[in-house]
Every structure is written in structure tokens, then in C-alpha cells.
């Protein structure tokens, strides 16, 4: 099996405010700055998954379904990060995080 984890829908990550960086680096970097922050957040998430965060994720058919609460009762949950368990077959897991370290959802 294979587990795919989608954090915050795989989109812009909370807390990745790029406006100060644009002032520092210039407007020509405007499109890459928010993507870099969001992309690199996975390193922080993995580090905090080792001992700080549970990062409970829910198997669901889509992020929209997850946000609508349609998968809250699924028996298929997993911990994202260091303590993730390999599922018996491919599952897509969804979870949200916060904007500040250690980024665990409140």
C-alpha cells in the first residue's frame, strides 16, 4: 500500500506570509517565494511529527470532502510523518495544520 498525505489541501500553507520577503528580494521573485515556503514546510512538519505532533489524518476521496466532514467517521486514519503506518492499499489522507510552529492542528 501507499499513503499520500495532503496537508491543507496541498495548497498555500498557513503562516507562509511572503510580503516581507518580496520587499527584501524584489518583485521578480513574487511567484516563487510563497511556493518555497509552502513546499519547505514539510520539513518542519516531519520534524514536529517525531515527538510533538500527532498529525492525525483521515482517508477521504477529496480535500473538499474532508473539509465538509464527510470522512470524520472513517476507520482509516493515519499519523502523518515519522509515525505513519503503511496502509494495506493506496489511500489518500487529509489533514489541516496551523500557521505557527509546531504546526499541529488545534
PDB file of N, CA and C in Angstrom:
ATOM      1  N   UNK A   1       0.806  -1.184   0.000  1.00  0.00           N
ATOM      2  CA  UNK A   1       0.000   0.000   0.000  1.00  0.00           C
ATOM      3  C   UNK A   1       0.853   1.254   0.000  1.00  0.00           C
ATOM      4  N   UNK A   2       0.235   2.345  -0.282  1.00  0.00           N
ATOM      5  CA  UNK A   2       0.910   3.633  -0.365  1.00  0.00           C
ATOM      6  C   UNK A   2       0.017   4.685   0.273  1.00  0.00           C
ATOM      7  N   UNK A   3       0.603   5.547   1.092  1.00  0.00           N
ATOM      8  CA  UNK A   3      -0.151   6.622   1.738  1.00  0.00           C
ATOM      9  C   UNK A   3       0.255   7.963   1.154  1.00  0.00           C
ATOM     10  N   UNK A   4      -0.713   8.704   0.647  1.00  0.00           N
ATOM     11  CA  UNK A   4      -0.493  10.076   0.186  1.00  0.00           C
ATOM     12  C   UNK A   4      -1.140  11.009   1.200  1.00  0.00           C
ATOM     13  N   UNK A   5      -0.346  11.932   1.733  1.00  0.00           N
ATOM     14  CA  UNK A   5      -0.843  12.886   2.713  1.00  0.00           C
ATOM     15  C   UNK A   5      -0.963  14.259   2.064  1.00  0.00           C
ATOM     16  N   UNK A   6      -2.135  14.852   2.181  1.00  0.00           N
ATOM     17  CA  UNK A   6      -2.377  16.189   1.645  1.00  0.00           C
ATOM     18  C   UNK A   6      -2.584  17.137   2.821  1.00  0.00           C
ATOM     19  N   UNK A   7      -1.615  18.022   3.034  1.00  0.00           N
ATOM     20  CA  UNK A   7      -1.661  18.967   4.144  1.00  0.00           C
ATOM     21  C   UNK A   7      -2.318  20.256   3.666  1.00  0.00           C
ATOM     22  N   UNK A   8      -3.390  20.647   4.340  1.00  0.00           N
ATOM     23  CA  UNK A   8      -4.118  21.868   3.971  1.00  0.00           C
ATOM     24  C   UNK A   8      -4.507  21.863   2.496  1.00  0.00           C
ATOM     25  N   UNK A   9      -4.855  20.720   1.995  1.00  0.00           N
ATOM     26  CA  UNK A   9      -5.266  20.605   0.599  1.00  0.00           C
ATOM     27  C   UNK A   9      -4.128  20.683  -0.398  1.00  0.00           C
ATOM     28  N   UNK A  10      -2.886  20.650   0.096  1.00  0.00           N
ATOM     29  CA  UNK A  10      -1.734  20.718  -0.801  1.00  0.00           C
ATOM     30  C   UNK A  10      -1.545  22.092  -1.411  1.00  0.00           C
ATOM     31  N   UNK A  11      -2.159  23.071  -0.814  1.00  0.00           N
ATOM     32  CA  UNK A  11      -2.093  24.436  -1.347  1.00  0.00           C
ATOM     33  C   UNK A  11      -1.221  25.297  -0.442  1.00  0.00           C
ATOM     34  N   UNK A  12      -1.418  26.587  -0.519  1.00  0.00           N
ATOM     35  CA  UNK A  12      -0.684  27.541   0.317  1.00  0.00           C
ATOM     36  C   UNK A  12      -0.783  27.129   1.783  1.00  0.00           C
ATOM     37  N   UNK A  13       0.344  27.054   2.452  1.00  0.00           N
ATOM     38  CA  UNK A  13       0.365  26.635   3.844  1.00  0.00           C
ATOM     39  C   UNK A  13       0.177  27.835   4.768  1.00  0.00           C
ATOM     40  N   UNK A  14      -0.640  27.686   5.806  1.00  0.00           N
ATOM     41  CA  UNK A  14      -0.866  28.782   6.745  1.00  0.00           C
ATOM     42  C   UNK A  14       0.456  29.263   7.345  1.00  0.00           C
ATOM     43  N   UNK A  15       0.591  30.570   7.463  1.00  0.00           N
ATOM     44  CA  UNK A  15       1.801  31.145   8.039  1.00  0.00           C
ATOM     45  C   UNK A  15       2.880  31.459   7.027  1.00  0.00           C
ATOM     46  N   UNK A  16       2.666  31.102   5.784  1.00  0.00           N
ATOM     47  CA  UNK A  16       3.647  31.411   4.736  1.00  0.00           C
ATOM     48  C   UNK A  16       3.332  32.792   4.166  1.00  0.00           C
ATOM     49  N   UNK A  17       3.633  33.805   4.934  1.00  0.00           N
ATOM     50  CA  UNK A  17       3.424  35.186   4.508  1.00  0.00           C
ATOM     51  C   UNK A  17       4.653  35.629   3.734  1.00  0.00           C
ATOM     52  N   UNK A  18       4.466  35.920   2.493  1.00  0.00           N
ATOM     53  CA  UNK A  18       5.597  36.239   1.629  1.00  0.00           C
ATOM     54  C   UNK A  18       5.800  37.729   1.392  1.00  0.00           C
ATOM     55  N   UNK A  19       4.946  38.584   1.906  1.00  0.00           N
ATOM     56  CA  UNK A  19       5.083  40.019   1.646  1.00  0.00           C
ATOM     57  C   UNK A  19       6.403  40.597   2.161  1.00  0.00           C
ATOM     58  N   UNK A  20       6.862  40.253   3.383  1.00  0.00           N
ATOM     59  CA  UNK A  20       8.163  40.771   3.814  1.00  0.00           C
ATOM     60  C   UNK A  20       9.315  40.279   2.927  1.00  0.00           C
ATOM     61  N   UNK A  21       9.215  39.059   2.440  1.00  0.00           N
ATOM     62  CA  UNK A  21      10.275  38.522   1.577  1.00  0.00           C
ATOM     63  C   UNK A  21      10.303  39.235   0.234  1.00  0.00           C
ATOM     64  N   UNK A  22       9.145  39.610  -0.280  1.00  0.00           N
ATOM     65  CA  UNK A  22       9.100  40.325  -1.560  1.00  0.00           C
ATOM     66  C   UNK A  22       9.787  41.681  -1.422  1.00  0.00           C
ATOM     67  N   UNK A  23       9.550  42.340  -0.296  1.00  0.00           N
ATOM     68  CA  UNK A  23      10.221  43.624  -0.070  1.00  0.00           C
ATOM     69  C   UNK A  23      11.733  43.439  -0.041  1.00  0.00           C
ATOM     70  N   UNK A  24      12.179  42.357   0.555  1.00  0.00           N
ATOM     71  CA  UNK A  24      13.608  42.097   0.675  1.00  0.00           C
ATOM     72  C   UNK A  24      14.219  41.638  -0.643  1.00  0.00           C
ATOM     73  N   UNK A  25      13.552  40.736  -1.346  1.00  0.00           N
ATOM     74  CA  UNK A  25      14.133  40.108  -2.535  1.00  0.00           C
ATOM     75  C   UNK A  25      13.690  40.732  -3.854  1.00  0.00           C
ATOM     76  N   UNK A  26      12.659  41.530  -3.831  1.00  0.00           N
ATOM     77  CA  UNK A  26      12.200  42.166  -5.058  1.00  0.00           C
ATOM     78  C   UNK A  26      10.999  41.465  -5.658  1.00  0.00           C
ATOM     79  N   UNK A  27      10.260  42.191  -6.465  1.00  0.00           N
ATOM     80  CA  UNK A  27       9.019  41.672  -7.042  1.00  0.00           C
ATOM     81  C   UNK A  27       9.236  40.577  -8.068  1.00  0.00           C
ATOM     82  N   UNK A  28      10.437  40.457  -8.644  1.00  0.00           N
ATOM     83  CA  UNK A  28      10.657  39.419  -9.655  1.00  0.00           C
ATOM     84  C   UNK A  28      10.593  38.016  -9.053  1.00  0.00           C
ATOM     85  N   UNK A  29      10.690  37.899  -7.733  1.00  0.00           N
ATOM     86  CA  UNK A  29      10.603  36.603  -7.056  1.00  0.00           C
ATOM     87  C   UNK A  29       9.210  36.337  -6.495  1.00  0.00           C
ATOM     88  N   UNK A  30       8.252  37.183  -6.816  1.00  0.00           N
ATOM     89  CA  UNK A  30       6.928  37.126  -6.195  1.00  0.00           C
ATOM     90  C   UNK A  30       6.253  35.761  -6.318  1.00  0.00           C
ATOM     91  N   UNK A  31       6.368  35.096  -7.454  1.00  0.00           N
ATOM     92  CA  UNK A  31       5.665  33.820  -7.641  1.00  0.00           C
ATOM     93  C   UNK A  31       6.376  32.658  -6.965  1.00  0.00           C
ATOM     94  N   UNK A  32       7.676  32.705  -6.812  1.00  0.00           N
ATOM     95  CA  UNK A  32       8.396  31.569  -6.240  1.00  0.00           C
ATOM     96  C   UNK A  32       8.465  31.611  -4.725  1.00  0.00           C
ATOM     97  N   UNK A  33       8.385  32.783  -4.117  1.00  0.00           N
ATOM     98  CA  UNK A  33       8.533  32.890  -2.664  1.00  0.00           C
ATOM     99  C   UNK A  33       7.452  32.125  -1.905  1.00  0.00           C
ATOM    100  N   UNK A  34       6.142  32.322  -2.177  1.00  0.00           N
ATOM    101  CA  UNK A  34       5.151  31.564  -1.409  1.00  0.00           C
ATOM    102  C   UNK A  34       5.237  30.066  -1.669  1.00  0.00           C
ATOM    103  N   UNK A  35       5.585  29.674  -2.868  1.00  0.00           N
ATOM    104  CA  UNK A  35       5.714  28.248  -3.169  1.00  0.00           C
ATOM    105  C   UNK A  35       6.855  27.627  -2.383  1.00  0.00           C
ATOM    106  N   UNK A  36       7.959  28.339  -2.231  1.00  0.00           N
ATOM    107  CA  UNK A  36       9.094  27.807  -1.481  1.00  0.00           C
ATOM    108  C   UNK A  36       8.728  27.599  -0.022  1.00  0.00           C
ATOM    109  N   UNK A  37       8.092  28.568   0.586  1.00  0.00           N
ATOM    110  CA  UNK A  37       7.694  28.442   1.985  1.00  0.00           C
ATOM    111  C   UNK A  37       6.764  27.250   2.167  1.00  0.00           C
ATOM    112  N   UNK A  38       5.739  27.167   1.345  1.00  0.00           N
ATOM    113  CA  UNK A  38       4.779  26.066   1.457  1.00  0.00           C
ATOM    114  C   UNK A  38       5.443  24.724   1.193  1.00  0.00           C
ATOM    115  N   UNK A  39       6.317  24.682   0.208  1.00  0.00           N
ATOM    116  CA  UNK A  39       6.991  23.431  -0.140  1.00  0.00           C
ATOM    117  C   UNK A  39       7.941  22.983   0.971  1.00  0.00           C
ATOM    118  N   UNK A  40       8.653  23.911   1.562  1.00  0.00           N
ATOM    119  CA  UNK A  40       9.626  23.561   2.597  1.00  0.00           C
ATOM    120  C   UNK A  40       8.989  23.307   3.959  1.00  0.00           C
ATOM    121  N   UNK A  41       7.726  23.663   4.133  1.00  0.00           N
ATOM    122  CA  UNK A  41       7.047  23.442   5.409  1.00  0.00           C
ATOM    123  C   UNK A  41       7.024  21.962   5.779  1.00  0.00           C
ATOM    124  N   UNK A  42       7.085  21.090   4.794  1.00  0.00           N
ATOM    125  CA  UNK A  42       7.066  19.651   5.064  1.00  0.00           C
ATOM    126  C   UNK A  42       8.218  19.247   5.984  1.00  0.00           C
ATOM    127  N   UNK A  43       9.339  19.931   5.898  1.00  0.00           N
ATOM    128  CA  UNK A  43      10.470  19.622   6.779  1.00  0.00           C
ATOM    129  C   UNK A  43      10.119  19.921   8.229  1.00  0.00           C
ATOM    130  N   UNK A  44       9.472  21.056   8.469  1.00  0.00           N
ATOM    131  CA  UNK A  44       9.031  21.399   9.825  1.00  0.00           C
ATOM    132  C   UNK A  44       7.986  20.407  10.320  1.00  0.00           C
ATOM    133  N   UNK A  45       7.055  20.045   9.434  1.00  0.00           N
ATOM    134  CA  UNK A  45       6.008  19.097   9.822  1.00  0.00           C
ATOM    135  C   UNK A  45       6.600  17.748  10.193  1.00  0.00           C
ATOM    136  N   UNK A  46       7.542  17.269   9.404  1.00  0.00           N
ATOM    137  CA  UNK A  46       8.131  15.967   9.715  1.00  0.00           C
ATOM    138  C   UNK A  46       8.886  16.025  11.038  1.00  0.00           C
ATOM    139  N   UNK A  47       9.654  17.074  11.246  1.00  0.00           N
ATOM    140  CA  UNK A  47      10.416  17.198  12.486  1.00  0.00           C
ATOM    141  C   UNK A  47       9.484  17.204  13.695  1.00  0.00           C
ATOM    142  N   UNK A  48       8.399  17.957  13.635  1.00  0.00           N
ATOM    143  CA  UNK A  48       7.488  18.011  14.777  1.00  0.00           C
ATOM    144  C   UNK A  48       6.672  16.729  14.922  1.00  0.00           C
ATOM    145  N   UNK A  49       6.591  15.919  13.873  1.00  0.00           N
ATOM    146  CA  UNK A  49       5.856  14.648  13.973  1.00  0.00           C
ATOM    147  C   UNK A  49       6.604  13.623  14.817  1.00  0.00           C
ATOM    148  N   UNK A  50       7.887  13.800  15.001  1.00  0.00           N
ATOM    149  CA  UNK A  50       8.690  12.817  15.735  1.00  0.00           C
ATOM    150  C   UNK A  50       8.269  12.748  17.195  1.00  0.00           C
ATOM    151  N   UNK A  51       8.078  13.895  17.847  1.00  0.00           N
ATOM    152  CA  UNK A  51       7.744  13.842  19.266  1.00  0.00           C
ATOM    153  C   UNK A  51       6.660  14.821  19.708  1.00  0.00           C
ATOM    154  N   UNK A  52       6.357  15.832  18.908  1.00  0.00           N
ATOM    155  CA  UNK A  52       5.450  16.887  19.355  1.00  0.00           C
ATOM    156  C   UNK A  52       4.020  16.713  18.862  1.00  0.00           C
ATOM    157  N   UNK A  53       3.851  16.386  17.603  1.00  0.00           N
ATOM    158  CA  UNK A  53       2.526  16.393  16.977  1.00  0.00           C
ATOM    159  C   UNK A  53       2.035  14.996  16.616  1.00  0.00           C
ATOM    160  N   UNK A  54       0.755  14.764  16.806  1.00  0.00           N
ATOM    161  CA  UNK A  54       0.132  13.504  16.394  1.00  0.00           C
ATOM    162  C   UNK A  54      -0.157  13.493  14.899  1.00  0.00           C
ATOM    163  N   UNK A  55      -0.539  14.638  14.344  1.00  0.00           N
ATOM    164  CA  UNK A  55      -0.875  14.776  12.925  1.00  0.00           C
ATOM    165  C   UNK A  55      -1.822  13.675  12.445  1.00  0.00           C
ATOM    166  N   UNK A  56      -2.957  13.545  13.103  1.00  0.00           N
ATOM    167  CA  UNK A  56      -3.949  12.561  12.684  1.00  0.00           C
ATOM    168  C   UNK A  56      -4.557  12.997  11.355  1.00  0.00           C
ATOM    169  N   UNK A  57      -4.521  12.104  10.398  1.00  0.00           N
ATOM    170  CA  UNK A  57      -5.070  12.387   9.068  1.00  0.00           C
ATOM    171  C   UNK A  57      -6.183  11.386   8.774  1.00  0.00           C
ATOM    172  N   UNK A  58      -7.061  11.780   7.862  1.00  0.00           N
ATOM    173  CA  UNK A  58      -8.253  10.992   7.562  1.00  0.00           C
ATOM    174  C   UNK A  58      -8.287  10.599   6.097  1.00  0.00           C
ATOM    175  N   UNK A  59      -8.501   9.311   5.834  1.00  0.00           N
ATOM    176  CA  UNK A  59      -8.665   8.861   4.451  1.00  0.00           C
ATOM    177  C   UNK A  59      -9.969   9.440   3.925  1.00  0.00           C
ATOM    178  N   UNK A  60      -9.891  10.013   2.729  1.00  0.00           N
ATOM    179  CA  UNK A  60     -11.078  10.633   2.148  1.00  0.00           C
ATOM    180  C   UNK A  60     -10.922  10.680   0.635  1.00  0.00           C
ATOM    181  N   UNK A  61     -12.015  10.917  -0.060  1.00  0.00           N
ATOM    182  CA  UNK A  61     -11.995  10.957  -1.525  1.00  0.00           C
ATOM    183  C   UNK A  61     -11.489  12.290  -2.059  1.00  0.00           C
ATOM    184  N   UNK A  62     -11.543  13.363  -1.235  1.00  0.00           N
ATOM    185  CA  UNK A  62     -11.051  14.669  -1.671  1.00  0.00           C
ATOM    186  C   UNK A  62     -10.858  15.570  -0.457  1.00  0.00           C
ATOM    187  N   UNK A  63     -10.109  16.645  -0.651  1.00  0.00           N
ATOM    188  CA  UNK A  63      -9.936  17.628   0.420  1.00  0.00           C
ATOM    189  C   UNK A  63     -11.262  18.319   0.724  1.00  0.00           C
ATOM    190  N   UNK A  64     -12.039  18.578  -0.311  1.00  0.00           N
ATOM    191  CA  UNK A  64     -13.340  19.206  -0.112  1.00  0.00           C
ATOM    192  C   UNK A  64     -14.251  18.316   0.736  1.00  0.00           C
ATOM    193  N   UNK A  65     -14.222  17.007   0.483  1.00  0.00           N
ATOM    194  CA  UNK A  65     -14.992  16.073   1.294  1.00  0.00           C
ATOM    195  C   UNK A  65     -14.511  16.046   2.736  1.00  0.00           C
ATOM    196  N   UNK A  66     -13.201  16.102   2.912  1.00  0.00           N
ATOM    197  CA  UNK A  66     -12.609  16.158   4.249  1.00  0.00           C
ATOM    198  C   UNK A  66     -13.077  17.414   4.983  1.00  0.00           C
ATOM    199  N   UNK A  67     -12.994  18.576   4.316  1.00  0.00           N
ATOM    200  CA  UNK A  67     -13.388  19.838   4.943  1.00  0.00           C
ATOM    201  C   UNK A  67     -14.878  19.866   5.269  1.00  0.00           C
ATOM    202  N   UNK A  68     -15.685  19.176   4.469  1.00  0.00           N
ATOM    203  CA  UNK A  68     -17.131  19.128   4.702  1.00  0.00           C
ATOM    204  C   UNK A  68     -17.493  18.149   5.820  1.00  0.00           C
ATOM    205  N   UNK A  69     -16.502  17.435   6.351  1.00  0.00           N
ATOM    206  CA  UNK A  69     -16.752  16.493   7.437  1.00  0.00           C
ATOM    207  C   UNK A  69     -17.284  15.152   6.986  1.00  0.00           C
ATOM    208  N   UNK A  70     -17.200  14.860   5.698  1.00  0.00           N
ATOM    209  CA  UNK A  70     -17.755  13.614   5.171  1.00  0.00           C
ATOM    210  C   UNK A  70     -16.905  12.392   5.497  1.00  0.00           C
ATOM    211  N   UNK A  71     -15.704  12.601   6.003  1.00  0.00           N
ATOM    212  CA  UNK A  71     -14.808  11.470   6.269  1.00  0.00           C
ATOM    213  C   UNK A  71     -14.368  11.411   7.727  1.00  0.00           C
ATOM    214  N   UNK A  72     -15.029  12.170   8.598  1.00  0.00           N
ATOM    215  CA  UNK A  72     -14.643  12.194  10.008  1.00  0.00           C
ATOM    216  C   UNK A  72     -14.836  10.854  10.699  1.00  0.00           C
ATOM    217  N   UNK A  73     -15.767  10.047  10.221  1.00  0.00           N
ATOM    218  CA  UNK A  73     -16.062   8.762  10.854  1.00  0.00           C
ATOM    219  C   UNK A  73     -15.347   7.596  10.193  1.00  0.00           C
ATOM    220  N   UNK A  74     -14.412   7.889   9.301  1.00  0.00           N
ATOM    221  CA  UNK A  74     -13.714   6.808   8.614  1.00  0.00           C
ATOM    222  C   UNK A  74     -12.884   5.983   9.596  1.00  0.00           C
ATOM    223  N   UNK A  75     -12.871   4.672   9.422  1.00  0.00           N
ATOM    224  CA  UNK A  75     -11.988   3.856  10.252  1.00  0.00           C
ATOM    225  C   UNK A  75     -10.536   3.945   9.778  1.00  0.00           C
ATOM    226  N   UNK A  76     -10.333   4.599   8.638  1.00  0.00           N
ATOM    227  CA  UNK A  76      -8.996   4.688   8.055  1.00  0.00           C
ATOM    228  C   UNK A  76      -8.354   6.026   8.401  1.00  0.00           C
ATOM    229  N   UNK A  77      -7.678   6.052   9.539  1.00  0.00           N
ATOM    230  CA  UNK A  77      -6.893   7.217   9.922  1.00  0.00           C
ATOM    231  C   UNK A  77      -5.428   6.803   9.947  1.00  0.00           C
ATOM    232  N   UNK A  78      -4.561   7.786   9.903  1.00  0.00           N
ATOM    233  CA  UNK A  78      -3.128   7.516   9.921  1.00  0.00           C
ATOM    234  C   UNK A  78      -2.446   8.729  10.521  1.00  0.00           C
ATOM    235  N   UNK A  79      -1.276   8.520  11.055  1.00  0.00           N
ATOM    236  CA  UNK A  79      -0.471   9.627  11.553  1.00  0.00           C
ATOM    237  C   UNK A  79       0.512  10.016  10.466  1.00  0.00           C
ATOM    238  N   UNK A  80       0.475  11.264  10.063  1.00  0.00           N
ATOM    239  CA  UNK A  80       1.409  11.725   9.052  1.00  0.00           C
ATOM    240  C   UNK A  80       2.787  11.916   9.682  1.00  0.00           C
ATOM    241  N   UNK A  81       3.814  11.601   8.936  1.00  0.00           N
ATOM    242  CA  UNK A  81       5.176  11.860   9.391  1.00  0.00           C
ATOM    243  C   UNK A  81       5.881  10.615   9.869  1.00  0.00           C
ATOM    244  N   UNK A  82       6.702  10.797  10.881  1.00  0.00           N
ATOM    245  CA  UNK A  82       7.576   9.740  11.377  1.00  0.00           C
ATOM    246  C   UNK A  82       6.804   8.486  11.794  1.00  0.00           C
ATOM    247  N   UNK A  83       5.642   8.658  12.377  1.00  0.00           N
ATOM    248  CA  UNK A  83       4.875   7.524  12.909  1.00  0.00           C
ATOM    249  C   UNK A  83       3.795   7.016  11.953  1.00  0.00           C
ATOM    250  N   UNK A  84       3.882   7.382  10.690  1.00  0.00           N
ATOM    251  CA  UNK A  84       2.901   6.907   9.705  1.00  0.00           C
ATOM    252  C   UNK A  84       2.989   5.393   9.564  1.00  0.00           C
ATOM    253  N   UNK A  85       1.854   4.785   9.292  1.00  0.00           N
ATOM    254  CA  UNK A  85       1.767   3.342   9.100  1.00  0.00           C
ATOM    255  C   UNK A  85       1.410   3.074   7.641  1.00  0.00           C
ATOM    256  N   UNK A  86       2.076   2.116   7.048  1.00  0.00           N
ATOM    257  CA  UNK A  86       1.795   1.757   5.658  1.00  0.00           C
ATOM    258  C   UNK A  86       0.413   1.104   5.577  1.00  0.00           C
ATOM    259  N   UNK A  87      -0.496   1.669   4.783  1.00  0.00           N
ATOM    260  CA  UNK A  87      -1.836   1.085   4.668  1.00  0.00           C
ATOM    261  C   UNK A  87      -1.809  -0.177   3.799  1.00  0.00           C
ATOM    262  N   UNK A  88      -2.874  -0.986   3.874  1.00  0.00           N
ATOM    263  CA  UNK A  88      -2.906  -2.223   3.087  1.00  0.00           C
ATOM    264  C   UNK A  88      -3.001  -1.971   1.584  1.00  0.00           C
ATOM    265  N   UNK A  89      -3.487  -0.810   1.195  1.00  0.00           N
ATOM    266  CA  UNK A  89      -3.583  -0.421  -0.216  1.00  0.00           C
ATOM    267  C   UNK A  89      -3.503   1.104  -0.267  1.00  0.00           C
ATOM    268  N   UNK A  90      -3.416   1.672  -1.453  1.00  0.00           N
ATOM    269  CA  UNK A  90      -3.241   3.117  -1.572  1.00  0.00           C
ATOM    270  C   UNK A  90      -4.428   3.873  -1.000  1.00  0.00           C
ATOM    271  N   UNK A  91      -4.112   4.831  -0.129  1.00  0.00           N
ATOM    272  CA  UNK A  91      -5.130   5.704   0.451  1.00  0.00           C
ATOM    273  C   UNK A  91      -4.637   7.146   0.415  1.00  0.00           C
ATOM    274  N   UNK A  92      -5.569   8.052   0.217  1.00  0.00           N
ATOM    275  CA  UNK A  92      -5.273   9.480   0.262  1.00  0.00           C
ATOM    276  C   UNK A  92      -5.759  10.016   1.599  1.00  0.00           C
ATOM    277  N   UNK A  93      -4.842  10.606   2.349  1.00  0.00           N
ATOM    278  CA  UNK A  93      -5.140  11.130   3.677  1.00  0.00           C
ATOM    279  C   UNK A  93      -5.101  12.653   3.652  1.00  0.00           C
ATOM    280  N   UNK A  94      -5.970  13.260   4.460  1.00  0.00           N
ATOM    281  CA  UNK A  94      -6.063  14.713   4.516  1.00  0.00           C
ATOM    282  C   UNK A  94      -6.004  15.183   5.961  1.00  0.00           C
ATOM    283  N   UNK A  95      -5.377  16.336   6.161  1.00  0.00           N
ATOM    284  CA  UNK A  95      -5.316  16.969   7.466  1.00  0.00           C
ATOM    285  C   UNK A  95      -5.024  18.450   7.288  1.00  0.00           C
ATOM    286  N   UNK A  96      -5.330  19.216   8.314  1.00  0.00           N
ATOM    287  CA  UNK A  96      -5.009  20.640   8.332  1.00  0.00           C
ATOM    288  C   UNK A  96      -3.990  20.892   9.429  1.00  0.00           C
ATOM    289  N   UNK A  97      -3.210  21.941   9.252  1.00  0.00           N
ATOM    290  CA  UNK A  97      -2.234  22.347  10.254  1.00  0.00           C
ATOM    291  C   UNK A  97      -2.452  23.821  10.579  1.00  0.00           C
ATOM    292  N   UNK A  98      -1.718  24.304  11.558  1.00  0.00           N
ATOM    293  CA  UNK A  98      -1.822  25.703  11.965  1.00  0.00           C
ATOM    294  C   UNK A  98      -0.723  26.528  11.309  1.00  0.00           C
ATOM    295  N   UNK A  99      -0.724  27.812  11.580  1.00  0.00           N
ATOM    296  CA  UNK A  99       0.234  28.718  10.947  1.00  0.00           C
ATOM    297  C   UNK A  99       1.527  28.895  11.735  1.00  0.00           C
ATOM    298  N   UNK A 100       1.580  28.378  12.958  1.00  0.00           N
ATOM    299  CA  UNK A 100       2.771  28.578  13.792  1.00  0.00           C
ATOM    300  C   UNK A 100       3.324  27.250  14.284  1.00  0.00           C
ATOM    301  N   UNK A 101       4.646  27.213  14.431  1.00  0.00           N
ATOM    302  CA  UNK A 101       5.320  26.009  14.927  1.00  0.00           C
ATOM    303  C   UNK A 101       4.738  25.637  16.279  1.00  0.00           C
ATOM    304  N   UNK A 102       4.532  24.369  16.533  1.00  0.00           N
ATOM    305  CA  UNK A 102       4.953  23.212  15.736  1.00  0.00           C
ATOM    306  C   UNK A 102       3.947  22.791  14.667  1.00  0.00           C
ATOM    307  N   UNK A 103       2.952  23.610  14.368  1.00  0.00           N
ATOM    308  CA  UNK A 103       2.009  23.429  13.255  1.00  0.00           C
ATOM    309  C   UNK A 103       0.951  22.355  13.471  1.00  0.00           C
ATOM    310  N   UNK A 104       0.842  21.804  14.685  1.00  0.00           N
ATOM    311  CA  UNK A 104      -0.221  20.832  14.969  1.00  0.00           C
ATOM    312  C   UNK A 104      -1.575  21.528  14.894  1.00  0.00           C
ATOM    313  N   UNK A 105      -2.546  20.838  14.353  1.00  0.00           N
ATOM    314  CA  UNK A 105      -3.902  21.390  14.306  1.00  0.00           C
ATOM    315  C   UNK A 105      -4.460  21.441  15.723  1.00  0.00           C
ATOM    316  N   UNK A 106      -5.034  22.566  16.060  1.00  0.00           N
ATOM    317  CA  UNK A 106      -5.596  22.751  17.407  1.00  0.00           C
ATOM    318  C   UNK A 106      -6.887  21.986  17.569  1.00  0.00           C
TER     319      UNK A 106
END
